[in-house]
N, C-alpha and C. Protein backbone atom coordinates (compact mmCIF):
# COMPACT_ATOMS: atom_id res chain seq x y z
N MET A 1 143.69 -54.42 68.43
CA MET A 1 142.21 -54.65 69.33
C MET A 1 140.96 -54.78 68.17
N SER A 2 140.02 -55.73 68.37
CA SER A 2 139.15 -55.84 67.50
C SER A 2 137.75 -54.43 67.56
N PRO A 3 137.31 -54.55 66.34
CA PRO A 3 136.14 -53.36 66.41
C PRO A 3 135.04 -53.48 67.56
N ALA A 4 135.17 -54.89 67.60
CA ALA A 4 133.96 -55.11 68.64
C ALA A 4 134.30 -55.10 70.18
N ALA A 5 135.62 -54.72 70.38
CA ALA A 5 136.25 -54.21 71.81
C ALA A 5 136.31 -52.97 72.08
N ILE A 6 135.98 -52.12 71.10
CA ILE A 6 136.12 -50.81 71.25
C ILE A 6 134.86 -50.25 71.42
N SER A 7 134.41 -49.56 72.30
CA SER A 7 133.07 -48.82 72.49
C SER A 7 132.93 -47.65 71.82
N THR A 8 132.11 -47.11 71.15
CA THR A 8 132.00 -46.08 70.70
C THR A 8 130.96 -45.27 71.17
N THR A 9 130.40 -45.60 72.32
CA THR A 9 129.48 -44.78 72.89
C THR A 9 130.08 -44.83 74.74
N SER A 10 129.66 -43.95 75.36
CA SER A 10 129.59 -43.90 76.55
C SER A 10 128.44 -44.32 77.38
N GLU A 11 127.49 -44.89 76.97
CA GLU A 11 126.35 -45.16 77.66
C GLU A 11 126.60 -46.68 78.40
N PRO A 12 125.94 -46.48 79.67
CA PRO A 12 126.17 -47.43 80.23
C PRO A 12 125.62 -48.80 80.08
N LYS A 13 125.75 -50.05 80.40
CA LYS A 13 125.53 -51.17 79.57
C LYS A 13 124.16 -51.27 80.29
N LYS A 14 123.21 -52.09 79.49
CA LYS A 14 121.96 -52.31 80.06
C LYS A 14 121.81 -53.49 80.75
N PRO A 15 121.24 -53.59 82.15
CA PRO A 15 121.28 -54.76 82.91
C PRO A 15 120.96 -55.96 82.10
N LYS A 16 121.33 -57.03 82.53
CA LYS A 16 120.65 -58.58 82.22
C LYS A 16 119.52 -58.66 82.90
N LYS A 17 118.67 -59.68 82.30
CA LYS A 17 117.51 -59.87 82.73
C LYS A 17 117.96 -60.73 84.07
N ARG A 18 118.98 -61.29 83.91
CA ARG A 18 119.22 -62.37 85.24
C ARG A 18 119.65 -61.23 86.41
N ASP A 19 120.44 -60.28 86.33
CA ASP A 19 120.69 -59.44 87.09
C ASP A 19 119.44 -58.55 87.33
N ILE A 20 118.74 -58.47 86.70
CA ILE A 20 117.35 -57.73 87.36
C ILE A 20 116.83 -58.27 88.36
N MET A 21 116.55 -59.63 88.13
CA MET A 21 116.10 -60.49 88.78
C MET A 21 116.66 -60.74 89.79
N ARG A 22 117.75 -61.14 90.00
CA ARG A 22 118.74 -61.13 91.10
C ARG A 22 118.60 -59.79 92.04
N GLU A 23 118.62 -58.91 91.52
CA GLU A 23 118.19 -57.52 92.29
C GLU A 23 117.00 -57.74 93.20
N ARG A 24 115.67 -58.12 92.37
CA ARG A 24 114.39 -58.08 92.87
C ARG A 24 114.32 -59.23 93.87
N VAL A 25 115.39 -60.22 93.77
CA VAL A 25 115.44 -61.57 94.80
C VAL A 25 115.94 -60.93 96.04
N LEU A 26 117.13 -60.19 96.05
CA LEU A 26 117.80 -59.13 97.11
C LEU A 26 116.70 -58.78 97.84
N ASP A 27 115.92 -57.81 96.57
CA ASP A 27 115.03 -56.75 97.70
C ASP A 27 114.06 -57.53 98.38
N ALA A 28 113.53 -58.59 97.69
CA ALA A 28 112.56 -59.16 98.58
C ALA A 28 113.49 -60.05 99.88
N ALA A 29 114.51 -60.74 99.75
CA ALA A 29 115.34 -61.22 100.99
C ALA A 29 115.52 -60.11 101.89
N ALA A 30 115.89 -58.84 101.52
CA ALA A 30 116.11 -57.63 102.54
C ALA A 30 114.92 -57.49 103.20
N HIS A 31 113.65 -57.28 102.56
CA HIS A 31 112.47 -57.11 103.31
C HIS A 31 112.17 -57.98 104.57
N GLN A 32 112.25 -59.15 103.97
CA GLN A 32 112.14 -60.45 105.00
C GLN A 32 113.02 -60.46 105.64
N MET A 33 114.56 -59.93 105.43
CA MET A 33 115.28 -60.08 106.75
C MET A 33 115.13 -59.02 107.84
N ASN A 34 114.56 -58.16 107.33
CA ASN A 34 114.49 -57.28 108.36
C ASN A 34 113.11 -57.21 109.24
N LEU A 35 112.07 -58.13 108.44
CA LEU A 35 111.18 -58.31 109.56
C LEU A 35 111.23 -59.45 110.41
N GLN A 36 112.26 -60.39 110.00
CA GLN A 36 112.28 -61.81 110.86
C GLN A 36 113.60 -62.00 111.19
N GLY A 37 114.68 -61.65 110.59
CA GLY A 37 116.13 -61.90 110.65
C GLY A 37 116.39 -62.81 109.86
N ALA A 38 117.87 -63.01 109.55
CA ALA A 38 118.40 -63.67 108.39
C ALA A 38 117.95 -65.37 108.99
N ALA A 39 118.20 -65.63 109.96
CA ALA A 39 117.72 -66.80 110.68
C ALA A 39 116.80 -67.57 110.00
N SER A 40 115.59 -66.78 110.12
CA SER A 40 114.22 -66.95 109.73
C SER A 40 113.96 -66.93 108.30
N ILE A 41 114.95 -66.37 107.24
CA ILE A 41 114.25 -66.23 106.02
C ILE A 41 114.01 -67.32 105.25
N ASP A 42 112.42 -67.28 104.82
CA ASP A 42 111.99 -68.72 104.00
C ASP A 42 112.11 -68.37 102.49
N LEU A 43 112.96 -69.24 101.69
CA LEU A 43 113.38 -69.10 100.33
C LEU A 43 111.91 -69.21 99.55
N SER A 44 110.85 -70.06 99.88
CA SER A 44 109.53 -69.91 99.36
C SER A 44 108.91 -68.65 99.35
N SER A 45 109.08 -68.16 100.44
CA SER A 45 108.39 -66.88 100.29
C SER A 45 108.92 -65.62 99.49
N VAL A 46 110.52 -65.87 99.86
CA VAL A 46 111.26 -64.87 98.87
C VAL A 46 110.92 -65.12 97.54
N SER A 47 110.75 -66.17 96.92
CA SER A 47 110.87 -66.64 95.50
C SER A 47 109.42 -66.30 95.19
N SER A 48 108.67 -66.38 95.77
CA SER A 48 107.11 -66.52 95.48
C SER A 48 106.95 -64.74 95.28
N ALA A 49 107.52 -64.03 96.24
CA ALA A 49 107.35 -62.62 96.53
C ALA A 49 107.66 -61.99 95.04
N VAL A 50 108.65 -62.61 94.09
CA VAL A 50 109.07 -61.97 92.86
C VAL A 50 108.46 -62.74 91.79
N GLY A 51 107.59 -63.69 92.06
CA GLY A 51 107.14 -64.62 90.73
C GLY A 51 108.20 -65.60 90.43
N LEU A 52 108.57 -65.95 91.09
CA LEU A 52 109.76 -67.58 90.96
C LEU A 52 109.46 -68.68 92.15
N THR A 53 109.40 -70.03 91.23
CA THR A 53 109.50 -71.07 91.96
C THR A 53 110.72 -71.04 92.92
N ARG A 54 110.53 -71.85 94.02
CA ARG A 54 111.80 -72.16 94.65
C ARG A 54 112.63 -72.75 93.68
N ASN A 55 112.73 -73.71 93.11
CA ASN A 55 113.46 -74.33 92.18
C ASN A 55 114.16 -73.25 91.23
N ALA A 56 113.24 -72.09 90.72
CA ALA A 56 114.00 -71.25 89.88
C ALA A 56 114.81 -70.22 90.67
N PHE A 57 114.62 -70.04 92.14
CA PHE A 57 115.57 -69.32 92.83
C PHE A 57 116.95 -69.73 92.67
N TYR A 58 117.09 -70.85 92.59
CA TYR A 58 118.34 -71.47 92.65
C TYR A 58 119.23 -71.28 91.39
N TYR A 59 118.77 -70.74 90.47
CA TYR A 59 119.33 -70.15 88.97
C TYR A 59 120.15 -68.93 89.64
N TYR A 60 119.32 -68.10 90.45
CA TYR A 60 119.97 -66.76 90.87
C TYR A 60 121.17 -66.75 92.42
N PHE A 61 120.86 -67.90 92.95
CA PHE A 61 121.36 -67.92 94.47
C PHE A 61 121.52 -69.60 94.55
N LYS A 62 122.60 -70.02 94.98
CA LYS A 62 122.87 -71.26 95.16
C LYS A 62 122.51 -71.78 96.43
N SER A 63 122.37 -70.80 97.23
CA SER A 63 121.70 -71.29 98.45
C SER A 63 120.98 -70.18 99.35
N ARG A 64 120.81 -70.41 100.42
CA ARG A 64 120.20 -69.83 101.16
C ARG A 64 121.02 -68.69 102.14
N ARG A 65 122.24 -69.44 102.07
CA ARG A 65 123.25 -68.76 102.75
C ARG A 65 124.23 -67.86 101.90
N GLU A 66 124.07 -68.12 100.61
CA GLU A 66 124.68 -67.05 99.49
C GLU A 66 123.73 -65.88 99.44
N LEU A 67 122.30 -66.26 99.31
CA LEU A 67 121.49 -65.01 99.42
C LEU A 67 121.66 -63.77 100.75
N ILE A 68 121.85 -64.53 101.75
CA ILE A 68 121.94 -63.86 102.93
C ILE A 68 123.20 -63.04 102.72
N TYR A 69 124.34 -63.84 102.27
CA TYR A 69 125.68 -63.32 102.28
C TYR A 69 125.60 -61.85 101.29
N HIS A 70 125.04 -62.32 100.07
CA HIS A 70 124.96 -61.34 99.07
C HIS A 70 124.17 -60.03 99.34
N SER A 71 123.03 -60.28 100.44
CA SER A 71 122.21 -58.99 100.84
C SER A 71 122.88 -58.13 101.82
N TYR A 72 123.90 -58.99 102.67
CA TYR A 72 124.46 -58.01 103.49
C TYR A 72 125.77 -57.50 102.78
N LEU A 73 126.38 -57.89 101.60
CA LEU A 73 127.28 -57.17 100.88
C LEU A 73 126.72 -56.25 100.28
N ARG A 74 125.41 -56.37 99.55
CA ARG A 74 124.58 -55.08 98.77
C ARG A 74 124.49 -54.04 99.89
N ALA A 75 124.01 -54.30 101.03
CA ALA A 75 123.89 -53.50 102.03
C ALA A 75 124.98 -52.55 102.05
N ASN A 76 126.28 -53.14 102.51
CA ASN A 76 127.36 -52.32 102.90
C ASN A 76 127.77 -51.75 101.75
N ARG A 77 127.73 -52.28 100.34
CA ARG A 77 128.18 -51.37 99.38
C ARG A 77 127.38 -50.22 99.36
N GLU A 78 125.96 -50.28 99.66
CA GLU A 78 125.15 -49.06 99.31
C GLU A 78 125.41 -47.88 100.14
N LEU A 79 125.74 -48.52 101.49
CA LEU A 79 126.26 -47.45 102.41
C LEU A 79 127.51 -47.26 102.22
N ALA A 80 128.53 -47.62 101.60
CA ALA A 80 129.68 -47.22 101.37
C ALA A 80 129.66 -46.31 100.16
N LYS A 81 128.65 -46.38 99.09
CA LYS A 81 128.36 -45.26 98.21
C LYS A 81 128.00 -44.08 98.73
N ASP A 82 127.13 -43.91 99.73
CA ASP A 82 126.32 -42.98 100.49
C ASP A 82 127.43 -42.25 100.95
N LEU A 83 128.38 -42.92 101.87
CA LEU A 83 129.60 -42.40 102.68
C LEU A 83 130.33 -41.42 101.29
N ALA A 84 130.69 -42.26 100.01
CA ALA A 84 131.61 -41.79 99.33
C ALA A 84 131.04 -40.36 98.68
N GLN A 85 129.67 -40.51 98.45
CA GLN A 85 128.78 -39.40 97.90
C GLN A 85 128.84 -37.99 99.00
N ALA A 86 129.06 -38.32 100.36
CA ALA A 86 128.72 -37.33 101.33
C ALA A 86 130.51 -36.51 101.46
N ASN A 87 131.37 -37.65 101.30
CA ASN A 87 132.60 -37.13 101.51
C ASN A 87 133.19 -36.72 100.18
N ALA A 88 132.31 -36.74 98.96
CA ALA A 88 132.96 -36.32 97.73
C ALA A 88 133.02 -34.59 97.68
N LYS A 89 131.94 -34.19 98.39
CA LYS A 89 131.83 -32.72 98.24
C LYS A 89 132.41 -32.15 99.53
N LYS A 90 132.97 -30.90 99.02
CA LYS A 90 133.38 -30.00 100.21
C LYS A 90 132.31 -29.26 101.18
N LEU A 91 132.17 -29.98 102.05
CA LEU A 91 131.22 -29.70 103.02
C LEU A 91 131.61 -29.81 104.59
N SER A 92 130.74 -29.27 105.15
CA SER A 92 131.20 -29.24 106.59
C SER A 92 130.81 -30.70 107.16
N ALA A 93 131.28 -31.28 108.39
CA ALA A 93 130.93 -32.55 108.61
C ALA A 93 129.53 -32.54 108.95
N CYS A 94 128.74 -31.40 109.48
CA CYS A 94 127.44 -31.69 109.78
C CYS A 94 126.76 -31.69 108.18
N GLU A 95 127.06 -31.27 107.23
CA GLU A 95 126.22 -31.35 106.04
C GLU A 95 126.55 -32.71 105.55
N GLN A 96 128.09 -33.11 105.40
CA GLN A 96 128.20 -34.50 105.21
C GLN A 96 127.44 -35.44 105.63
N LEU A 97 127.01 -35.25 107.13
CA LEU A 97 126.22 -36.09 107.89
C LEU A 97 125.02 -36.09 107.28
N ARG A 98 124.29 -35.22 107.01
CA ARG A 98 123.09 -34.81 106.56
C ARG A 98 122.96 -35.39 105.16
N THR A 99 123.68 -35.19 104.33
CA THR A 99 124.01 -35.62 102.94
C THR A 99 123.79 -37.46 103.12
N LEU A 100 124.63 -37.95 104.02
CA LEU A 100 124.75 -39.33 104.20
C LEU A 100 123.33 -39.77 104.95
N ILE A 101 122.67 -39.13 105.68
CA ILE A 101 121.39 -39.41 106.23
C ILE A 101 120.35 -39.25 105.20
N THR A 102 120.62 -38.48 104.54
CA THR A 102 119.25 -38.05 103.23
C THR A 102 119.40 -39.04 102.49
N ALA A 103 120.48 -39.38 101.96
CA ALA A 103 120.77 -40.33 100.77
C ALA A 103 120.00 -41.70 101.18
N ASN A 104 120.54 -42.17 102.57
CA ASN A 104 119.86 -43.36 103.15
C ASN A 104 118.64 -43.66 103.48
N LEU A 105 118.18 -42.82 103.70
CA LEU A 105 116.49 -42.59 104.28
C LEU A 105 115.45 -41.99 103.14
N ALA A 106 116.11 -41.82 101.80
CA ALA A 106 115.62 -41.30 100.53
C ALA A 106 114.42 -42.04 100.14
N GLU A 107 113.26 -41.52 100.13
CA GLU A 107 112.03 -42.29 99.72
C GLU A 107 112.29 -42.69 98.19
N GLY A 108 111.79 -43.77 98.17
CA GLY A 108 112.07 -44.71 96.66
C GLY A 108 112.96 -45.62 96.90
N ARG A 109 113.87 -45.31 97.82
CA ARG A 109 115.03 -46.03 97.65
C ARG A 109 114.84 -47.57 98.08
N ARG A 110 115.48 -48.57 97.52
CA ARG A 110 115.54 -49.88 97.80
C ARG A 110 115.53 -50.22 99.12
N GLU A 111 114.84 -51.18 99.94
CA GLU A 111 115.29 -51.40 100.88
C GLU A 111 116.59 -52.50 101.31
N ARG A 112 117.50 -52.33 102.24
CA ARG A 112 118.47 -52.99 102.48
C ARG A 112 118.24 -53.73 103.93
N THR A 113 119.21 -54.84 103.80
CA THR A 113 119.17 -55.79 104.92
C THR A 113 120.19 -54.83 106.12
N VAL A 114 119.34 -54.65 107.18
CA VAL A 114 119.70 -53.75 108.13
C VAL A 114 120.25 -54.50 109.42
N LEU A 115 119.38 -55.82 109.58
CA LEU A 115 119.67 -56.74 110.85
C LEU A 115 120.86 -57.45 110.52
N HIS A 116 121.75 -57.48 111.46
CA HIS A 116 122.84 -58.24 111.19
C HIS A 116 123.02 -59.61 112.03
N ASP A 117 122.68 -60.64 111.37
CA ASP A 117 122.51 -61.86 111.94
C ASP A 117 123.53 -62.78 111.35
N LEU A 118 125.17 -62.80 111.53
CA LEU A 118 126.05 -63.10 110.61
C LEU A 118 126.36 -64.38 111.28
N LYS A 119 125.78 -64.82 112.17
CA LYS A 119 125.94 -66.63 112.49
C LYS A 119 125.56 -67.37 111.64
N VAL A 120 124.58 -67.09 110.74
CA VAL A 120 124.15 -67.68 109.63
C VAL A 120 125.21 -68.10 108.38
N LEU A 121 126.25 -67.18 108.36
CA LEU A 121 127.04 -67.27 107.14
C LEU A 121 128.23 -68.03 107.61
N GLU A 122 129.18 -68.62 106.93
CA GLU A 122 130.57 -69.28 106.82
C GLU A 122 131.55 -68.31 107.59
N PRO A 123 132.30 -68.78 108.22
CA PRO A 123 133.46 -67.67 108.95
C PRO A 123 134.09 -66.63 108.17
N ALA A 124 134.47 -67.02 106.84
CA ALA A 124 135.23 -66.27 105.77
C ALA A 124 134.12 -65.08 105.61
N GLU A 125 132.84 -65.70 105.46
CA GLU A 125 131.83 -64.67 104.78
C GLU A 125 131.59 -63.58 106.01
N GLN A 126 131.48 -64.23 107.15
CA GLN A 126 131.02 -63.49 108.21
C GLN A 126 132.66 -62.09 108.32
N ASP A 127 133.70 -62.69 108.20
CA ASP A 127 134.76 -61.58 108.16
C ASP A 127 134.50 -60.73 106.99
N ALA A 128 134.26 -60.98 105.77
CA ALA A 128 134.04 -60.30 104.87
C ALA A 128 133.08 -59.20 105.00
N VAL A 129 132.06 -59.39 105.66
CA VAL A 129 130.90 -58.60 105.70
C VAL A 129 131.39 -57.48 106.99
N SER A 130 131.69 -58.20 108.15
CA SER A 130 132.40 -57.37 109.22
C SER A 130 133.45 -56.65 108.80
N SER A 131 133.96 -56.72 107.96
CA SER A 131 135.35 -56.17 107.55
C SER A 131 134.79 -54.73 106.82
N PHE A 132 133.60 -55.10 105.76
CA PHE A 132 133.22 -54.09 104.96
C PHE A 132 132.61 -53.32 105.73
N TYR A 133 131.66 -53.77 106.89
CA TYR A 133 131.02 -52.69 107.69
C TYR A 133 131.69 -52.00 108.61
N ARG A 134 132.75 -52.41 109.07
CA ARG A 134 133.81 -52.07 109.87
C ARG A 134 134.58 -50.40 108.84
N GLN A 135 134.86 -50.85 107.86
CA GLN A 135 135.24 -49.64 106.85
C GLN A 135 134.03 -48.83 107.04
N ASN A 136 132.89 -48.89 106.75
CA ASN A 136 131.64 -48.18 106.63
C ASN A 136 131.94 -47.12 108.24
N VAL A 137 131.77 -48.08 109.18
CA VAL A 137 131.88 -47.42 110.43
C VAL A 137 132.93 -46.48 110.62
N GLN A 138 134.04 -46.67 110.03
CA GLN A 138 135.54 -45.91 109.95
C GLN A 138 134.95 -44.59 109.52
N GLY A 139 134.49 -44.93 108.25
CA GLY A 139 133.85 -43.61 107.35
C GLY A 139 133.16 -42.58 107.97
N VAL A 140 132.10 -43.18 109.00
CA VAL A 140 131.24 -42.13 109.63
C VAL A 140 132.11 -41.38 110.59
N GLU A 141 133.21 -42.40 111.57
CA GLU A 141 134.15 -41.74 112.47
C GLU A 141 134.63 -41.02 112.00
N SER A 142 135.15 -40.78 110.64
CA SER A 142 136.14 -39.94 110.19
C SER A 142 135.48 -38.50 110.24
N ILE A 143 134.09 -38.52 109.47
CA ILE A 143 133.60 -37.46 109.56
C ILE A 143 133.23 -36.67 110.78
N LEU A 144 132.93 -37.80 111.77
CA LEU A 144 132.57 -37.20 113.09
C LEU A 144 134.20 -36.54 113.58
N ALA A 145 134.86 -37.33 113.81
CA ALA A 145 136.20 -36.62 114.38
C ALA A 145 136.45 -35.27 113.63
N ALA A 146 136.40 -35.20 112.29
CA ALA A 146 136.52 -34.07 111.40
C ALA A 146 135.86 -32.87 112.39
N GLY A 147 134.44 -33.26 112.41
CA GLY A 147 133.50 -32.23 112.92
C GLY A 147 134.00 -31.85 114.30
N VAL A 148 134.42 -33.10 115.23
CA VAL A 148 135.16 -32.68 116.62
C VAL A 148 136.06 -31.63 116.37
N GLN A 149 137.00 -31.82 115.60
CA GLN A 149 138.49 -31.20 115.43
C GLN A 149 137.84 -29.88 114.90
N ARG A 150 137.30 -29.58 113.95
CA ARG A 150 136.79 -28.22 113.75
C ARG A 150 135.74 -27.34 114.50
N GLY A 151 135.27 -28.13 115.49
CA GLY A 151 134.58 -27.48 116.77
C GLY A 151 132.95 -27.58 116.17
N GLU A 152 132.69 -28.12 115.13
CA GLU A 152 131.20 -28.16 114.60
C GLU A 152 130.33 -29.15 115.62
N PHE A 153 131.14 -30.00 116.15
CA PHE A 153 130.56 -30.84 117.15
C PHE A 153 131.03 -31.04 118.59
N LYS A 154 130.31 -31.06 119.68
CA LYS A 154 130.74 -31.13 121.00
C LYS A 154 131.64 -32.45 120.76
N GLN A 155 132.51 -32.31 121.84
CA GLN A 155 133.46 -33.86 122.05
C GLN A 155 132.60 -35.04 122.32
N VAL A 156 132.86 -36.15 121.75
CA VAL A 156 131.92 -37.07 122.10
C VAL A 156 132.84 -38.74 121.87
N ASN A 157 132.56 -39.44 122.31
CA ASN A 157 132.94 -40.60 122.39
C ASN A 157 133.00 -41.09 120.65
N ILE A 158 133.71 -41.08 119.80
CA ILE A 158 133.65 -41.39 118.29
C ILE A 158 132.97 -42.38 117.81
N PRO A 159 133.63 -43.61 118.31
CA PRO A 159 133.23 -45.11 117.95
C PRO A 159 131.73 -45.21 118.57
N ILE A 160 131.46 -44.61 119.61
CA ILE A 160 130.01 -45.23 120.13
C ILE A 160 128.86 -44.06 119.27
N ALA A 161 129.21 -42.77 118.94
CA ALA A 161 128.70 -41.94 118.23
C ALA A 161 128.46 -42.57 116.66
N ALA A 162 129.34 -43.06 116.19
CA ALA A 162 129.29 -43.62 114.55
C ALA A 162 128.33 -44.84 115.12
N GLN A 163 128.25 -45.57 115.90
CA GLN A 163 127.39 -46.90 116.06
C GLN A 163 126.23 -46.47 116.17
N VAL A 164 125.89 -45.69 116.93
CA VAL A 164 124.54 -44.96 117.28
C VAL A 164 123.93 -44.33 116.32
N LEU A 165 124.45 -43.72 115.40
CA LEU A 165 124.25 -43.01 114.22
C LEU A 165 123.90 -43.94 113.17
N LEU A 166 124.66 -45.05 112.81
CA LEU A 166 124.35 -45.96 112.23
C LEU A 166 123.22 -46.77 112.52
N GLY A 167 123.07 -47.09 113.73
CA GLY A 167 121.88 -48.03 114.63
C GLY A 167 120.51 -47.01 114.09
N MET A 168 120.47 -46.05 114.44
CA MET A 168 119.46 -45.22 114.22
C MET A 168 118.93 -45.25 112.81
N MET A 169 120.03 -44.92 111.64
CA MET A 169 119.49 -44.99 110.47
C MET A 169 118.82 -46.47 110.07
N ASP A 170 119.52 -47.57 110.42
CA ASP A 170 118.91 -48.78 110.29
C ASP A 170 117.35 -48.89 110.72
N LEU A 171 117.36 -48.56 112.09
CA LEU A 171 116.05 -48.41 112.65
C LEU A 171 115.08 -47.86 111.98
N SER A 172 115.28 -46.65 111.61
CA SER A 172 114.47 -45.90 110.69
C SER A 172 114.24 -46.63 109.47
N LEU A 173 115.28 -47.03 108.82
CA LEU A 173 114.97 -47.72 107.43
C LEU A 173 113.75 -48.99 107.82
N ILE A 174 113.87 -49.58 108.83
CA ILE A 174 113.13 -50.92 109.09
C ILE A 174 111.45 -50.29 109.17
N HIS A 175 111.47 -49.13 109.99
CA HIS A 175 110.03 -48.13 110.31
C HIS A 175 109.52 -47.81 109.21
N ILE A 176 110.52 -47.30 108.24
CA ILE A 176 109.93 -46.63 106.99
C ILE A 176 109.62 -47.49 106.02
N SER A 177 110.10 -48.64 105.89
CA SER A 177 109.89 -49.77 105.07
C SER A 177 108.49 -50.74 105.37
N GLU A 178 108.46 -50.64 106.85
CA GLU A 178 107.41 -51.46 107.21
C GLU A 178 106.55 -50.49 108.08
N PRO A 179 105.80 -49.77 107.86
CA PRO A 179 105.06 -48.99 108.65
C PRO A 179 104.31 -49.67 109.97
N THR A 180 103.63 -50.84 109.49
CA THR A 180 102.73 -51.48 110.21
C THR A 180 103.76 -52.17 111.56
N ARG A 181 104.88 -51.96 111.72
CA ARG A 181 105.67 -52.53 112.51
C ARG A 181 106.07 -51.65 113.57
N ARG A 182 105.59 -50.37 112.95
CA ARG A 182 106.00 -48.96 114.21
C ARG A 182 105.46 -49.49 115.31
N THR A 183 106.36 -49.42 116.33
CA THR A 183 105.93 -49.58 117.90
C THR A 183 106.53 -48.78 118.88
N PRO A 184 106.28 -48.25 119.60
CA PRO A 184 107.08 -47.37 120.45
C PRO A 184 108.16 -48.00 121.17
N ILE A 185 109.28 -47.03 121.33
CA ILE A 185 110.68 -47.91 121.78
C ILE A 185 110.76 -47.29 123.53
């Protein structure tokens, strides 16, 4: 093994400039998608929001569809990370849900895409995003089922309760990220 291949420090790698800008583009896309939906995303607006020209945008994403796909994947990765954090601790089901919700709605947290408009994606991409999301839903269902089994929660329809919880977190994220859009429900 060459000396260059051996890491002598345990410091994390510094993100590349391209990766940093790519995340900024995803942030701008998430914001616009939450306001208008994926079908209405405007690449010129997303690009200008991060100081890029529309042509420069294509250095980071090949297409509008690829941007939307990666926005959904990132949102699901972040939710999966929050679920893993909640499950990593030996907590009651109630505390696990509190950990999940608190992490998800934390101030200063990057905006994540919450409106799911999968029809703009290719079928394989739709399947990948849907499968990832189902895994996250199952993670919430597991917490709820454990809570019901231990008597922490009343008996509920667990799949519906999980969807409602995730939907309320998504709705909260939209209203937290865009206070001017707050409207009575």
